[in-house]
Every structure is written in structure tokens, then in C-alpha cells.
Amino acid sequence: MTRRVVTGHDAKGRAVILFDSAAPNVKHRPSGLVSTLLWTTDESPAETARSDDRSAREVGIPPPPRGSIFRIVDFPPGAKGEMHRTRSIDYAVVIEGEIDMLLPKGEVRLRAGDVLVQQATDHAWENRGGKNCRIAFILIDAKA
């Protein structure tokens, strides 16, 4: 479970907490991955006056055109994703565990505390360890 706190503004323009609960949009993938969508935007610059839950939607891996996605992904031991590419700048922070990022020509092991900036490259993920790996991802639409 990931606790998600989202702030916004009331009718008088004062800062308020809009949501404070377990993130509701959780998907269990056939590969064993668990993906929790925390927030999305459909525009840049992002609209900050809305009070609706912008995670209450279905989205694929890439962000919407001119938008962004914020998600947490849990990779259990043995999980391996498909090689894929998104037209986005991806910021990833490994929160716990370790994982191998596979590229067509090479690979790199990332550990808790490591960060990755990925510029629309082909890649896949594989957890070859014996513990869960949790990664926070922010994907921003880009030209590719």
C-alpha cells in the first residue's frame, strides 16, 4: 500500500488536503508487477486549480500527450518485463531493493537510492534478487 496525500485549494483559495488515503488505482500485472498510479496530468504547464482525483483513470505506460504520470511500481523477485520504449523523459528513483535495467546493448544494476534519467530508450526490467524492488517513476511526455 502506498499512502498518497494530495493538496489543493478551497473556494477561498486556502491550501487544503484533498486526498489522504491509500492510493486507489493499483494494478496487478500478469508478470507479478504491481503498478500504483498516483497522479497524471494532461497538459503542460499543469493545471493546479482542479480538485478531482487525477489518478482515477486508465492509462498505459506512457504519459498522455503534453502530460505526465507519477507511479510506484513493485517488482517481486523473478519479475521480468518486456522490452519497450516510451516517448518520454523518465525519472526513476529506486526506493528499496535492487533491479537490473536491460538495454539492447548492455545492462545496469540499480540499488536503493540510485536514480535514473531515461531519454526515450528501449529497455526492460528484471528483478534477479530475492527481495521486492520498489521504484518511483515520473514520466513526462517528450519528443523522440
Protein backbone atom coordinates (compact mmCIF):
# COMPACT_ATOMS: atom_id res chain seq x y z
CA MET A 1 0.00 0.00 0.00
CA THR A 2 1.16 3.49 -0.83
CA ARG A 3 -0.26 6.39 1.17
CA ARG A 4 -0.99 9.35 -1.10
CA VAL A 5 -1.52 12.90 0.17
CA VAL A 6 -2.69 15.48 -2.39
CA THR A 7 -3.11 19.17 -1.63
CA GLY A 8 -5.19 21.79 -3.40
CA HIS A 9 -7.24 24.90 -2.67
CA ASP A 10 -10.68 25.53 -1.24
CA ALA A 11 -13.22 28.00 -2.65
CA LYS A 12 -11.43 30.85 -0.81
CA GLY A 13 -8.03 29.93 -2.23
CA ARG A 14 -6.68 28.45 1.00
CA ALA A 15 -4.42 25.38 0.91
CA VAL A 16 -6.25 22.20 1.92
CA ILE A 17 -5.69 18.47 1.82
CA LEU A 18 -7.83 16.98 -0.95
CA PHE A 19 -6.88 13.31 -0.51
CA ASP A 20 -5.12 11.41 2.28
CA SER A 21 -5.51 7.66 1.91
CA ALA A 22 -4.11 4.57 0.27
CA ALA A 23 -3.63 5.26 -3.44
CA PRO A 24 -6.71 3.68 -5.05
CA ASN A 25 -5.52 2.94 -8.60
CA VAL A 26 -3.48 -0.28 -8.15
CA LYS A 27 -2.96 -2.77 -10.98
CA HIS A 28 -1.60 -6.30 -10.58
CA ARG A 29 0.13 -7.26 -13.83
CA PRO A 30 0.48 -10.84 -15.16
CA SER A 31 4.27 -10.60 -14.74
CA GLY A 32 3.80 -10.09 -10.98
CA LEU A 33 4.47 -6.36 -11.12
CA VAL A 34 2.21 -4.14 -9.05
CA SER A 35 1.74 -0.65 -10.50
CA THR A 36 0.19 2.13 -8.41
CA LEU A 37 -0.86 5.22 -10.37
CA LEU A 38 -0.52 8.24 -8.08
CA TRP A 39 -1.24 11.18 -10.40
CA THR A 40 -1.44 12.24 -14.04
CA THR A 41 -1.57 15.49 -15.95
CA ASP A 42 -2.81 16.11 -19.48
CA GLU A 43 -1.18 19.47 -20.05
CA SER A 44 1.98 21.50 -19.56
CA PRO A 45 2.12 23.67 -17.65
CA ALA A 46 -0.06 21.57 -15.39
CA GLU A 47 -3.46 22.80 -14.21
CA THR A 48 -3.37 23.17 -10.41
CA ALA A 49 -6.89 24.50 -9.76
CA ARG A 50 -8.63 21.15 -10.20
CA SER A 51 -9.84 19.19 -7.20
CA ASP A 52 -10.73 15.89 -8.90
CA ASP A 53 -8.64 12.76 -8.43
CA ARG A 54 -6.39 12.75 -11.49
CA SER A 55 -5.33 9.17 -10.82
CA ALA A 56 -8.88 7.86 -11.25
CA ARG A 57 -8.40 6.79 -14.86
CA GLU A 58 -6.96 4.10 -17.07
CA VAL A 59 -3.63 4.90 -18.70
CA GLY A 60 -0.95 2.82 -20.35
CA ILE A 61 2.75 3.01 -19.68
CA PRO A 62 3.49 6.32 -21.44
CA PRO A 63 2.17 9.67 -20.24
CA PRO A 64 -0.64 11.46 -22.10
CA PRO A 65 0.45 13.85 -24.87
CA ARG A 66 1.86 17.02 -23.22
CA GLY A 67 1.26 15.35 -19.83
CA SER A 68 2.91 13.37 -17.08
CA ILE A 69 2.47 10.26 -14.94
CA PHE A 70 3.61 9.59 -11.38
CA ARG A 71 3.54 5.95 -10.31
CA ILE A 72 5.13 3.45 -7.95
CA VAL A 73 6.00 0.00 -9.30
CA ASP A 74 6.80 -3.04 -7.18
CA PHE A 75 8.89 -5.73 -8.89
CA PRO A 76 8.76 -9.00 -6.92
CA PRO A 77 11.71 -11.42 -7.07
CA GLY A 78 11.93 -13.03 -10.51
CA ALA A 79 9.77 -10.41 -12.25
CA LYS A 80 10.86 -9.57 -15.78
CA GLY A 81 9.20 -7.02 -18.01
CA GLU A 82 9.07 -6.80 -21.78
CA MET A 83 11.50 -4.68 -23.80
CA HIS A 84 9.68 -1.40 -24.52
CA ARG A 85 10.17 2.28 -25.24
CA THR A 86 8.08 5.29 -24.29
CA ARG A 87 8.23 8.73 -25.88
CA SER A 88 9.08 10.35 -22.59
CA ILE A 89 11.72 11.56 -20.20
CA ASP A 90 11.57 9.12 -17.28
CA TYR A 91 12.86 9.95 -13.82
CA ALA A 92 13.17 6.85 -11.65
CA VAL A 93 14.20 6.58 -8.00
CA VAL A 94 14.85 3.13 -6.54
CA ILE A 95 13.21 3.21 -3.11
CA GLU A 96 14.03 -0.32 -1.96
CA GLY A 97 15.75 -3.42 -3.29
CA GLU A 98 17.70 -3.69 -6.50
CA ILE A 99 16.90 -4.31 -10.14
CA ASP A 100 18.61 -4.74 -13.49
CA MET A 101 17.70 -2.40 -16.33
CA LEU A 102 18.32 -4.22 -19.61
CA LEU A 103 19.13 -2.32 -22.81
CA PRO A 104 19.62 -3.76 -26.30
CA LYS A 105 23.38 -3.24 -25.78
CA GLY A 106 24.14 -3.55 -22.09
CA GLU A 107 22.58 -3.51 -18.67
CA VAL A 108 22.98 -1.76 -15.34
CA ARG A 109 22.09 -2.77 -11.80
CA LEU A 110 20.27 -0.11 -9.78
CA ARG A 111 20.06 -0.21 -5.98
CA ALA A 112 18.04 1.63 -3.33
CA GLY A 113 18.91 5.32 -3.50
CA ASP A 114 20.00 5.22 -7.15
CA VAL A 115 18.31 7.49 -9.67
CA LEU A 116 17.86 7.04 -13.40
CA VAL A 117 17.12 9.57 -16.14
CA GLN A 118 15.95 7.73 -19.22
CA GLN A 119 15.56 9.55 -22.52
CA ALA A 120 13.10 7.51 -24.62
CA THR A 121 15.35 4.44 -24.83
CA ASP A 122 14.44 0.78 -25.37
CA HIS A 123 14.64 -1.05 -22.04
CA ALA A 124 13.29 -3.83 -19.85
CA TRP A 125 13.38 -4.50 -16.10
CA GLU A 126 14.36 -7.71 -14.33
CA ASN A 127 14.47 -8.37 -10.59
CA ARG A 128 17.12 -11.09 -10.27
CA GLY A 129 17.33 -10.71 -6.49
CA GLY A 130 15.44 -12.37 -3.67
CA LYS A 131 13.61 -9.25 -2.39
CA ASN A 132 10.99 -6.85 -3.70
CA CYS A 133 12.22 -3.81 -5.63
CA ARG A 134 10.14 -0.62 -5.39
CA ILE A 135 10.69 2.23 -7.84
CA ALA A 136 9.05 5.65 -8.09
CA PHE A 137 8.63 6.75 -11.72
CA ILE A 138 7.78 10.16 -13.12
CA LEU A 139 7.25 10.13 -16.89
CA ILE A 140 6.96 13.38 -18.85
CA ASP A 141 5.86 13.47 -22.50
CA ALA A 142 8.78 14.24 -24.83
CA LYS A 143 9.80 14.42 -28.48
CA ALA A 144 11.50 11.24 -29.64
